[in-house]
Each structure stands twice: as C-alpha cells, then as structure tokens.
Amino acid sequence: MHELSDELFTLCAHALGAPADHFTALRRDPTHVGALKWYPSLRHLGTAAPGRARHAEHTDRGALTVLDREYGLGGLQLYTNGHWVDAPFLPGTLAVNVGDLLARWTGDRWPACRHRVAPPPAAAPEEDLVSLLYASGADRDALIEAFPPPVGRTAYPPVRWGEYLRRYFTATR
C-alpha cells in the first residue's frame, strides 16, 4: 500500500506540474495507518434517526486514503455542491480520498474529501459493510509548504507534519 500510495503521489505531482518526487521525497518513513472497518447492519444498530450516519461526516487527516470497499445500499457518501451523494462503486476498483494534508500541501487546489458512511435503508436491515483502508501521510519532520498561486488557492504557512498532527490530536482530546 505504501508503494501504491507513492505511485499516486507521483501522479499527483505530475498533475500539478511539479517534479515527480515532490511528495515522495518527504515520505521516507511516513505516518500511515491500515484498518479494517465494519459498518454494522440495522439489526445491530437499530433504526437510524433521519440524517444519522453509520460513520459521521469527516475529512481524513492524512494526505491520501485508499479504500477497498464493499457495495452497499447504505455506504460511502461524499459531500459535493451542498448535497450528500452516494460514491460511485465499480467492482474491482479502489476509492481514493484526498485528505487534509494533501489539501494543505496543494493550497486547497484539491480540497479534502468530506465523507460519511450512510446507514442501510429499511429495506436492507441485514446489510453490513466492510472496508479495508490505508491512510498515508508524510514524514513527521517533513516541512509541508503549500503550492503558491496559480496552483494553490490558499496561502497556508509552512508547517511540520508531525507538529500539525500533534496540535490536531491535542485539540481533539
């Protein structure tokens, strides 16, 4: 997954007109996490209140999250143009979310993907879903500098990735 993420980062650099190693040079020993997520059925959850999700809306802290997910009637939803929409599902493919780090790194050229996991509809009370995810960041000591205009849209001050994470986790305790 680390190698796949590095390939994706190389493609991201190319898309932005940066050197191929723009991101990967700061990923010698990056922060990362792998997880197997279970989203239980209505039988386990009970009926969801209107507007409730199996996993609340959020953005991912890292740069990229790669998901191998199951198809479901309730499942991954993305917030776009002021509305929640079901994420497309194509068998045999992976989903990739842009996280807070890559949004900051690109100066919000690519905003973080706000998403949630919707509960199954009442017509599918036994549906449970499993997703395998890999979230990847940068080296803890990496200096994250946003792309300036015209690529970047927000002028974030430079920050060390590990310090940014520490401040985030300290604030959310």
N, C-alpha and C. Protein backbone atom coordinates (compact mmCIF):
# COMPACT_ATOMS: atom_id res chain seq x y z
N MET A 1 0.83 -1.20 0.00
CA MET A 1 0.00 0.00 0.00
C MET A 1 0.87 1.25 0.00
N HIS A 2 2.02 1.15 0.68
CA HIS A 2 2.95 2.29 0.66
C HIS A 2 3.41 2.56 -0.78
N GLU A 3 3.75 1.50 -1.50
CA GLU A 3 4.19 1.66 -2.89
C GLU A 3 3.07 2.22 -3.76
N LEU A 4 1.86 1.72 -3.58
CA LEU A 4 0.72 2.24 -4.35
C LEU A 4 0.53 3.73 -4.03
N SER A 5 0.59 4.08 -2.75
CA SER A 5 0.44 5.48 -2.37
C SER A 5 1.52 6.34 -3.02
N ASP A 6 2.76 5.86 -3.03
CA ASP A 6 3.83 6.62 -3.68
C ASP A 6 3.57 6.79 -5.17
N GLU A 7 3.03 5.77 -5.82
CA GLU A 7 2.68 5.92 -7.24
C GLU A 7 1.61 6.98 -7.41
N LEU A 8 0.62 6.99 -6.52
CA LEU A 8 -0.43 8.00 -6.59
C LEU A 8 0.14 9.40 -6.34
N PHE A 9 1.07 9.52 -5.39
CA PHE A 9 1.70 10.81 -5.13
C PHE A 9 2.51 11.29 -6.33
N THR A 10 3.16 10.37 -7.02
CA THR A 10 3.91 10.74 -8.23
C THR A 10 2.96 11.26 -9.30
N LEU A 11 1.81 10.61 -9.45
CA LEU A 11 0.79 11.09 -10.40
C LEU A 11 0.26 12.46 -9.99
N CYS A 12 0.06 12.66 -8.70
CA CYS A 12 -0.40 13.96 -8.20
C CYS A 12 0.62 15.05 -8.54
N ALA A 13 1.90 14.77 -8.32
CA ALA A 13 2.95 15.75 -8.63
C ALA A 13 2.92 16.08 -10.12
N HIS A 14 2.82 15.07 -10.94
CA HIS A 14 2.76 15.28 -12.39
C HIS A 14 1.57 16.16 -12.76
N ALA A 15 0.40 15.87 -12.18
CA ALA A 15 -0.82 16.64 -12.49
C ALA A 15 -0.67 18.11 -12.10
N LEU A 16 0.16 18.40 -11.11
CA LEU A 16 0.35 19.77 -10.66
C LEU A 16 1.55 20.46 -11.33
N GLY A 17 2.24 19.73 -12.22
CA GLY A 17 3.40 20.30 -12.91
C GLY A 17 4.64 20.37 -12.04
N ALA A 18 4.69 19.56 -10.98
CA ALA A 18 5.82 19.54 -10.05
C ALA A 18 6.76 18.39 -10.41
N PRO A 19 7.98 18.41 -9.89
CA PRO A 19 8.87 17.26 -10.10
C PRO A 19 8.22 15.98 -9.57
N ALA A 20 8.54 14.86 -10.18
CA ALA A 20 7.90 13.58 -9.85
C ALA A 20 8.03 13.23 -8.37
N ASP A 21 9.12 13.66 -7.72
CA ASP A 21 9.34 13.31 -6.31
C ASP A 21 8.89 14.41 -5.35
N HIS A 22 8.10 15.35 -5.82
CA HIS A 22 7.69 16.49 -4.97
C HIS A 22 7.09 16.01 -3.64
N PHE A 23 6.25 15.02 -3.68
CA PHE A 23 5.62 14.49 -2.47
C PHE A 23 6.42 13.32 -1.89
N THR A 24 6.87 12.43 -2.74
CA THR A 24 7.52 11.20 -2.25
C THR A 24 8.86 11.48 -1.57
N ALA A 25 9.52 12.58 -1.88
CA ALA A 25 10.78 12.92 -1.21
C ALA A 25 10.57 13.16 0.28
N LEU A 26 9.33 13.47 0.66
CA LEU A 26 9.00 13.72 2.08
C LEU A 26 8.23 12.54 2.67
N ARG A 27 8.44 11.35 2.07
CA ARG A 27 7.74 10.15 2.52
C ARG A 27 8.71 8.97 2.68
N ARG A 28 9.85 9.22 3.28
CA ARG A 28 10.81 8.13 3.52
C ARG A 28 10.25 7.15 4.55
N ASP A 29 9.67 7.69 5.62
CA ASP A 29 9.07 6.90 6.71
C ASP A 29 7.78 7.61 7.14
N PRO A 30 6.78 7.61 6.26
CA PRO A 30 5.60 8.43 6.51
C PRO A 30 4.68 7.87 7.58
N THR A 31 3.89 8.76 8.16
CA THR A 31 2.80 8.31 9.02
C THR A 31 1.82 7.55 8.13
N HIS A 32 1.25 6.49 8.67
CA HIS A 32 0.27 5.72 7.91
C HIS A 32 -0.52 4.85 8.88
N VAL A 33 -1.67 4.42 8.42
CA VAL A 33 -2.49 3.52 9.22
C VAL A 33 -3.29 2.64 8.26
N GLY A 34 -3.39 1.40 8.61
CA GLY A 34 -4.25 0.47 7.89
C GLY A 34 -5.35 0.03 8.84
N ALA A 35 -6.54 -0.13 8.33
CA ALA A 35 -7.65 -0.53 9.20
C ALA A 35 -8.68 -1.33 8.42
N LEU A 36 -9.33 -2.21 9.14
CA LEU A 36 -10.47 -2.94 8.63
C LEU A 36 -11.68 -2.37 9.38
N LYS A 37 -12.59 -1.75 8.64
CA LYS A 37 -13.74 -1.09 9.26
C LYS A 37 -15.00 -1.90 9.00
N TRP A 38 -15.75 -2.14 10.05
CA TRP A 38 -17.03 -2.84 9.95
C TRP A 38 -18.14 -1.84 10.23
N TYR A 39 -19.08 -1.76 9.31
CA TYR A 39 -20.25 -0.90 9.46
C TYR A 39 -21.45 -1.81 9.64
N PRO A 40 -21.96 -1.92 10.87
CA PRO A 40 -22.98 -2.92 11.19
C PRO A 40 -24.34 -2.67 10.55
N SER A 41 -25.13 -3.73 10.54
CA SER A 41 -26.48 -3.71 9.98
C SER A 41 -27.45 -3.01 10.94
N LEU A 42 -28.66 -2.78 10.45
CA LEU A 42 -29.71 -2.19 11.29
C LEU A 42 -30.04 -3.12 12.45
N ARG A 43 -29.87 -4.43 12.23
CA ARG A 43 -30.12 -5.39 13.31
C ARG A 43 -29.21 -5.08 14.50
N HIS A 44 -27.97 -4.67 14.21
CA HIS A 44 -27.04 -4.31 15.29
C HIS A 44 -27.20 -2.87 15.75
N LEU A 45 -27.52 -1.98 14.83
CA LEU A 45 -27.58 -0.56 15.13
C LEU A 45 -28.93 -0.10 15.66
N GLY A 46 -29.98 -0.76 15.21
CA GLY A 46 -31.32 -0.22 15.40
C GLY A 46 -31.59 0.75 14.26
N THR A 47 -32.80 1.21 14.17
CA THR A 47 -33.16 2.13 13.09
C THR A 47 -32.45 3.46 13.30
N ALA A 48 -31.83 3.93 12.24
CA ALA A 48 -31.09 5.20 12.33
C ALA A 48 -32.07 6.36 12.28
N ALA A 49 -31.80 7.37 13.10
CA ALA A 49 -32.59 8.59 13.06
C ALA A 49 -32.35 9.29 11.74
N PRO A 50 -33.32 10.06 11.24
CA PRO A 50 -33.12 10.78 9.98
C PRO A 50 -31.85 11.63 10.03
N GLY A 51 -31.06 11.52 8.98
CA GLY A 51 -29.82 12.29 8.90
C GLY A 51 -28.64 11.68 9.62
N ARG A 52 -28.84 10.57 10.33
CA ARG A 52 -27.74 9.92 11.05
C ARG A 52 -26.96 9.02 10.11
N ALA A 53 -25.69 8.85 10.39
CA ALA A 53 -24.82 8.03 9.56
C ALA A 53 -24.23 6.90 10.40
N ARG A 54 -23.75 5.84 9.72
CA ARG A 54 -23.04 4.76 10.42
C ARG A 54 -21.68 5.26 10.88
N HIS A 55 -21.12 6.19 10.11
CA HIS A 55 -19.87 6.85 10.50
C HIS A 55 -20.07 8.33 10.16
N ALA A 56 -19.92 9.18 11.15
CA ALA A 56 -20.21 10.61 10.99
C ALA A 56 -19.34 11.26 9.92
N GLU A 57 -19.85 12.36 9.41
CA GLU A 57 -19.11 13.08 8.38
C GLU A 57 -17.77 13.56 8.93
N HIS A 58 -16.76 13.53 8.06
CA HIS A 58 -15.42 13.94 8.44
C HIS A 58 -14.54 14.05 7.20
N THR A 59 -13.36 14.59 7.39
CA THR A 59 -12.30 14.51 6.39
C THR A 59 -11.17 13.72 7.03
N ASP A 60 -10.35 13.10 6.23
CA ASP A 60 -9.23 12.33 6.75
C ASP A 60 -8.05 13.26 7.01
N ARG A 61 -7.29 12.98 8.05
CA ARG A 61 -6.17 13.85 8.44
C ARG A 61 -4.98 13.71 7.49
N GLY A 62 -4.74 12.54 6.97
CA GLY A 62 -3.56 12.30 6.15
C GLY A 62 -3.66 12.93 4.77
N ALA A 63 -2.83 12.47 3.86
CA ALA A 63 -2.80 13.01 2.50
C ALA A 63 -3.75 12.25 1.59
N LEU A 64 -3.59 10.94 1.53
CA LEU A 64 -4.44 10.09 0.70
C LEU A 64 -4.94 8.91 1.51
N THR A 65 -6.18 8.56 1.30
CA THR A 65 -6.74 7.33 1.87
C THR A 65 -7.20 6.47 0.71
N VAL A 66 -6.71 5.24 0.68
CA VAL A 66 -7.10 4.27 -0.35
C VAL A 66 -8.05 3.28 0.31
N LEU A 67 -9.22 3.09 -0.32
CA LEU A 67 -10.26 2.22 0.23
C LEU A 67 -10.58 1.08 -0.71
N ASP A 68 -10.65 -0.10 -0.16
CA ASP A 68 -11.22 -1.26 -0.85
C ASP A 68 -12.52 -1.52 -0.10
N ARG A 69 -13.64 -1.24 -0.74
CA ARG A 69 -14.91 -1.28 -0.03
C ARG A 69 -15.91 -2.18 -0.72
N GLU A 70 -16.88 -2.60 0.06
CA GLU A 70 -17.97 -3.42 -0.46
C GLU A 70 -19.08 -2.52 -1.00
N TYR A 71 -19.81 -3.04 -1.96
CA TYR A 71 -21.00 -2.35 -2.44
C TYR A 71 -22.09 -2.47 -1.38
N GLY A 72 -22.83 -1.41 -1.19
CA GLY A 72 -23.95 -1.46 -0.26
C GLY A 72 -25.00 -0.44 -0.63
N LEU A 73 -26.23 -0.69 -0.20
CA LEU A 73 -27.31 0.27 -0.40
C LEU A 73 -27.12 1.47 0.51
N GLY A 74 -26.51 1.23 1.65
CA GLY A 74 -26.03 2.29 2.52
C GLY A 74 -24.52 2.18 2.43
N GLY A 75 -23.83 3.25 2.28
CA GLY A 75 -22.38 3.15 2.14
C GLY A 75 -21.75 4.51 2.05
N LEU A 76 -20.58 4.56 1.41
CA LEU A 76 -19.80 5.78 1.33
C LEU A 76 -20.58 6.86 0.59
N GLN A 77 -20.67 8.02 1.24
CA GLN A 77 -21.28 9.19 0.62
C GLN A 77 -20.30 10.35 0.67
N LEU A 78 -20.35 11.18 -0.37
CA LEU A 78 -19.48 12.34 -0.50
C LEU A 78 -20.32 13.60 -0.45
N TYR A 79 -19.77 14.65 0.14
CA TYR A 79 -20.48 15.93 0.20
C TYR A 79 -19.97 16.79 -0.95
N THR A 80 -20.86 17.11 -1.86
CA THR A 80 -20.48 17.90 -3.02
C THR A 80 -21.61 18.82 -3.42
N ASN A 81 -21.27 20.03 -3.76
CA ASN A 81 -22.26 21.03 -4.19
C ASN A 81 -23.42 21.15 -3.20
N GLY A 82 -23.12 21.07 -1.90
CA GLY A 82 -24.13 21.26 -0.88
C GLY A 82 -25.03 20.08 -0.61
N HIS A 83 -24.69 18.90 -1.18
CA HIS A 83 -25.55 17.71 -1.02
C HIS A 83 -24.70 16.48 -0.78
N TRP A 84 -25.29 15.50 -0.11
CA TRP A 84 -24.67 14.19 0.06
C TRP A 84 -25.05 13.33 -1.13
N VAL A 85 -24.07 12.71 -1.77
CA VAL A 85 -24.31 11.81 -2.89
C VAL A 85 -23.60 10.49 -2.62
N ASP A 86 -24.17 9.40 -3.12
CA ASP A 86 -23.53 8.09 -2.99
C ASP A 86 -22.28 8.08 -3.85
N ALA A 87 -21.18 7.59 -3.27
CA ALA A 87 -19.94 7.46 -4.04
C ALA A 87 -20.13 6.36 -5.07
N PRO A 88 -19.67 6.59 -6.29
CA PRO A 88 -19.79 5.53 -7.29
C PRO A 88 -19.07 4.28 -6.82
N PHE A 89 -19.61 3.14 -7.16
CA PHE A 89 -18.97 1.87 -6.84
C PHE A 89 -18.73 1.11 -8.14
N LEU A 90 -17.48 0.77 -8.39
CA LEU A 90 -17.11 -0.03 -9.55
C LEU A 90 -16.39 -1.26 -9.03
N PRO A 91 -16.95 -2.46 -9.23
CA PRO A 91 -16.29 -3.68 -8.74
C PRO A 91 -14.85 -3.77 -9.23
N GLY A 92 -13.98 -4.22 -8.35
CA GLY A 92 -12.59 -4.42 -8.72
C GLY A 92 -11.75 -3.15 -8.71
N THR A 93 -12.31 -2.04 -8.21
CA THR A 93 -11.55 -0.80 -8.16
C THR A 93 -11.36 -0.36 -6.71
N LEU A 94 -10.48 0.58 -6.53
CA LEU A 94 -10.24 1.18 -5.22
C LEU A 94 -10.74 2.63 -5.26
N ALA A 95 -11.21 3.12 -4.13
CA ALA A 95 -11.57 4.53 -4.00
C ALA A 95 -10.39 5.25 -3.35
N VAL A 96 -10.17 6.49 -3.73
CA VAL A 96 -9.09 7.28 -3.16
C VAL A 96 -9.66 8.62 -2.69
N ASN A 97 -9.46 8.93 -1.42
CA ASN A 97 -9.90 10.20 -0.85
C ASN A 97 -8.70 11.12 -0.64
N VAL A 98 -8.88 12.39 -0.99
CA VAL A 98 -7.90 13.43 -0.66
C VAL A 98 -8.16 13.83 0.79
N GLY A 99 -7.09 13.85 1.59
CA GLY A 99 -7.20 14.22 3.00
C GLY A 99 -6.70 15.63 3.27
N ASP A 100 -6.75 16.01 4.54
CA ASP A 100 -6.38 17.36 4.96
C ASP A 100 -4.95 17.72 4.60
N LEU A 101 -4.02 16.76 4.72
CA LEU A 101 -2.62 17.05 4.41
C LEU A 101 -2.45 17.41 2.94
N LEU A 102 -3.01 16.63 2.03
CA LEU A 102 -2.84 16.92 0.61
C LEU A 102 -3.57 18.21 0.24
N ALA A 103 -4.70 18.47 0.88
CA ALA A 103 -5.40 19.74 0.64
C ALA A 103 -4.49 20.91 1.01
N ARG A 104 -3.87 20.81 2.18
CA ARG A 104 -2.96 21.87 2.64
C ARG A 104 -1.76 21.97 1.72
N TRP A 105 -1.18 20.83 1.36
CA TRP A 105 0.01 20.78 0.51
C TRP A 105 -0.26 21.44 -0.84
N THR A 106 -1.46 21.26 -1.37
CA THR A 106 -1.81 21.81 -2.68
C THR A 106 -2.43 23.20 -2.57
N GLY A 107 -2.44 23.78 -1.37
CA GLY A 107 -3.06 25.09 -1.20
C GLY A 107 -4.54 25.06 -1.55
N ASP A 108 -5.18 23.95 -1.21
CA ASP A 108 -6.61 23.71 -1.49
C ASP A 108 -6.95 23.61 -2.97
N ARG A 109 -5.95 23.37 -3.79
CA ARG A 109 -6.25 23.08 -5.21
C ARG A 109 -7.13 21.83 -5.25
N TRP A 110 -6.79 20.86 -4.36
CA TRP A 110 -7.60 19.67 -4.20
C TRP A 110 -8.09 19.66 -2.76
N PRO A 111 -9.32 20.09 -2.53
CA PRO A 111 -9.83 20.13 -1.14
C PRO A 111 -10.00 18.73 -0.57
N ALA A 112 -9.94 18.65 0.76
CA ALA A 112 -10.16 17.37 1.43
C ALA A 112 -11.57 16.89 1.16
N CYS A 113 -11.70 15.60 0.99
CA CYS A 113 -12.97 14.96 0.66
C CYS A 113 -13.81 14.77 1.94
N ARG A 114 -14.88 15.53 2.06
CA ARG A 114 -15.80 15.37 3.19
C ARG A 114 -16.69 14.18 2.88
N HIS A 115 -16.74 13.23 3.80
CA HIS A 115 -17.48 12.00 3.52
C HIS A 115 -18.07 11.42 4.80
N ARG A 116 -18.94 10.44 4.62
CA ARG A 116 -19.57 9.72 5.73
C ARG A 116 -19.99 8.36 5.22
N VAL A 117 -20.44 7.50 6.12
CA VAL A 117 -20.98 6.20 5.72
C VAL A 117 -22.45 6.19 6.14
N ALA A 118 -23.32 6.10 5.15
CA ALA A 118 -24.76 6.13 5.38
C ALA A 118 -25.25 4.78 5.90
N PRO A 119 -26.31 4.80 6.70
CA PRO A 119 -26.88 3.53 7.15
C PRO A 119 -27.62 2.85 6.00
N PRO A 120 -27.84 1.55 6.11
CA PRO A 120 -28.61 0.89 5.07
C PRO A 120 -30.06 1.35 5.13
N PRO A 121 -30.76 1.29 4.01
CA PRO A 121 -32.18 1.64 4.05
C PRO A 121 -32.96 0.56 4.80
N ALA A 122 -34.17 0.92 5.23
CA ALA A 122 -35.03 -0.02 5.98
C ALA A 122 -35.27 -1.30 5.19
N ALA A 123 -35.21 -1.22 3.86
CA ALA A 123 -35.43 -2.39 3.01
C ALA A 123 -34.27 -3.37 3.05
N ALA A 124 -33.14 -2.98 3.64
CA ALA A 124 -31.97 -3.86 3.70
C ALA A 124 -31.44 -3.91 5.14
N PRO A 125 -32.26 -4.37 6.10
CA PRO A 125 -31.87 -4.31 7.51
C PRO A 125 -30.68 -5.21 7.88
N GLU A 126 -30.37 -6.21 7.06
CA GLU A 126 -29.27 -7.12 7.37
C GLU A 126 -27.95 -6.71 6.73
N GLU A 127 -27.98 -5.63 5.95
CA GLU A 127 -26.76 -5.23 5.26
C GLU A 127 -25.72 -4.70 6.24
N ASP A 128 -24.57 -5.34 6.24
CA ASP A 128 -23.41 -4.77 6.92
C ASP A 128 -22.32 -4.64 5.86
N LEU A 129 -21.40 -3.76 6.09
CA LEU A 129 -20.35 -3.49 5.12
C LEU A 129 -18.99 -3.58 5.80
N VAL A 130 -18.00 -3.96 5.01
CA VAL A 130 -16.62 -3.98 5.48
C VAL A 130 -15.79 -3.19 4.47
N SER A 131 -14.92 -2.34 4.97
CA SER A 131 -13.98 -1.60 4.14
C SER A 131 -12.58 -1.80 4.68
N LEU A 132 -11.65 -1.94 3.78
CA LEU A 132 -10.24 -2.00 4.12
C LEU A 132 -9.65 -0.67 3.68
N LEU A 133 -8.98 0.02 4.60
CA LEU A 133 -8.45 1.33 4.23
C LEU A 133 -6.98 1.45 4.61
N TYR A 134 -6.32 2.30 3.86
CA TYR A 134 -4.93 2.65 4.13
C TYR A 134 -4.80 4.16 3.98
N ALA A 135 -4.51 4.83 5.07
CA ALA A 135 -4.34 6.28 5.05
C ALA A 135 -2.86 6.59 5.20
N SER A 136 -2.37 7.48 4.36
CA SER A 136 -0.94 7.75 4.31
C SER A 136 -0.67 9.24 4.38
N GLY A 137 0.40 9.59 5.07
CA GLY A 137 0.78 10.99 5.21
C GLY A 137 2.19 11.24 4.74
N ALA A 138 2.90 12.03 5.50
CA ALA A 138 4.28 12.39 5.19
C ALA A 138 5.17 12.01 6.38
N ASP A 139 6.47 12.21 6.22
CA ASP A 139 7.39 12.02 7.35
C ASP A 139 7.01 13.02 8.45
N ARG A 140 7.19 12.62 9.68
CA ARG A 140 6.83 13.51 10.80
C ARG A 140 7.59 14.83 10.75
N ASP A 141 8.84 14.80 10.28
CA ASP A 141 9.64 16.03 10.24
C ASP A 141 9.52 16.78 8.91
N ALA A 142 8.66 16.31 8.02
CA ALA A 142 8.51 16.94 6.70
C ALA A 142 7.94 18.35 6.84
N LEU A 143 8.57 19.30 6.15
CA LEU A 143 8.05 20.66 6.10
C LEU A 143 7.05 20.74 4.96
N ILE A 144 5.79 20.95 5.32
CA ILE A 144 4.71 21.00 4.33
C ILE A 144 4.52 22.44 3.91
N GLU A 145 4.82 22.71 2.64
CA GLU A 145 4.68 24.04 2.08
C GLU A 145 3.66 24.00 0.96
N ALA A 146 2.64 24.84 1.07
CA ALA A 146 1.56 24.87 0.07
C ALA A 146 2.08 25.40 -1.26
N PHE A 147 1.51 24.86 -2.34
CA PHE A 147 1.82 25.40 -3.65
C PHE A 147 1.31 26.84 -3.71
N PRO A 148 2.11 27.76 -4.24
CA PRO A 148 1.62 29.13 -4.39
C PRO A 148 0.70 29.24 -5.61
N PRO A 149 -0.04 30.35 -5.73
CA PRO A 149 -0.85 30.56 -6.93
C PRO A 149 0.05 30.53 -8.17
N PRO A 150 -0.40 30.12 -9.29
CA PRO A 150 -1.79 29.83 -9.61
C PRO A 150 -2.22 28.40 -9.27
N VAL A 151 -1.28 27.53 -8.84
CA VAL A 151 -1.68 26.16 -8.49
C VAL A 151 -2.48 26.17 -7.20
N GLY A 152 -1.90 26.71 -6.14
CA GLY A 152 -2.58 26.78 -4.86
C GLY A 152 -3.59 27.91 -4.82
N ARG A 153 -4.59 27.74 -3.97
CA ARG A 153 -5.63 28.76 -3.82
C ARG A 153 -5.64 29.38 -2.43
N THR A 154 -5.03 28.70 -1.46
CA THR A 154 -4.96 29.18 -0.08
C THR A 154 -3.50 29.21 0.33
N ALA A 155 -3.07 30.33 0.88
CA ALA A 155 -1.66 30.51 1.28
C ALA A 155 -1.48 30.05 2.73
N TYR A 156 -1.37 28.75 2.93
CA TYR A 156 -1.10 28.22 4.27
C TYR A 156 0.35 28.47 4.64
N PRO A 157 0.62 28.80 5.91
CA PRO A 157 2.03 28.90 6.32
C PRO A 157 2.66 27.51 6.37
N PRO A 158 3.96 27.43 6.15
CA PRO A 158 4.63 26.12 6.25
C PRO A 158 4.44 25.53 7.65
N VAL A 159 4.38 24.20 7.71
CA VAL A 159 4.21 23.52 8.99
C VAL A 159 4.89 22.15 8.91
N ARG A 160 5.44 21.72 10.02
CA ARG A 160 5.98 20.36 10.11
C ARG A 160 4.80 19.41 10.31
N TRP A 161 4.75 18.36 9.54
CA TRP A 161 3.62 17.44 9.57
C TRP A 161 3.39 16.87 10.97
N GLY A 162 4.43 16.42 11.64
CA GLY A 162 4.28 15.86 12.98
C GLY A 162 3.72 16.87 13.97
N GLU A 163 4.13 18.12 13.86
CA GLU A 163 3.63 19.18 14.74
C GLU A 163 2.15 19.45 14.46
N TYR A 164 1.79 19.46 13.18
CA TYR A 164 0.39 19.66 12.79
C TYR A 164 -0.49 18.55 13.39
N LEU A 165 -0.03 17.32 13.27
CA LEU A 165 -0.79 16.19 13.83
C LEU A 165 -0.89 16.30 15.35
N ARG A 166 0.24 16.63 16.00
CA ARG A 166 0.23 16.75 17.45
C ARG A 166 -0.78 17.81 17.89
N ARG A 167 -0.80 18.95 17.22
CA ARG A 167 -1.76 20.01 17.59
C ARG A 167 -3.20 19.55 17.37
N TYR A 168 -3.43 18.83 16.28
CA TYR A 168 -4.78 18.34 15.99
C TYR A 168 -5.24 17.36 17.09
N PHE A 169 -4.40 16.36 17.40
CA PHE A 169 -4.80 15.36 18.38
C PHE A 169 -4.89 15.93 19.79
N THR A 170 -4.07 16.92 20.10
CA THR A 170 -4.16 17.57 21.40
C THR A 170 -5.48 18.35 21.51
N ALA A 171 -5.87 19.01 20.43
CA ALA A 171 -7.10 19.81 20.44
C ALA A 171 -8.35 18.94 20.48
N THR A 172 -8.28 17.72 19.96
CA THR A 172 -9.48 16.88 19.90
C THR A 172 -9.64 15.97 21.10
N ARG A 173 -8.72 16.02 22.06
CA ARG A 173 -8.84 15.16 23.26
C ARG A 173 -9.89 15.68 24.19
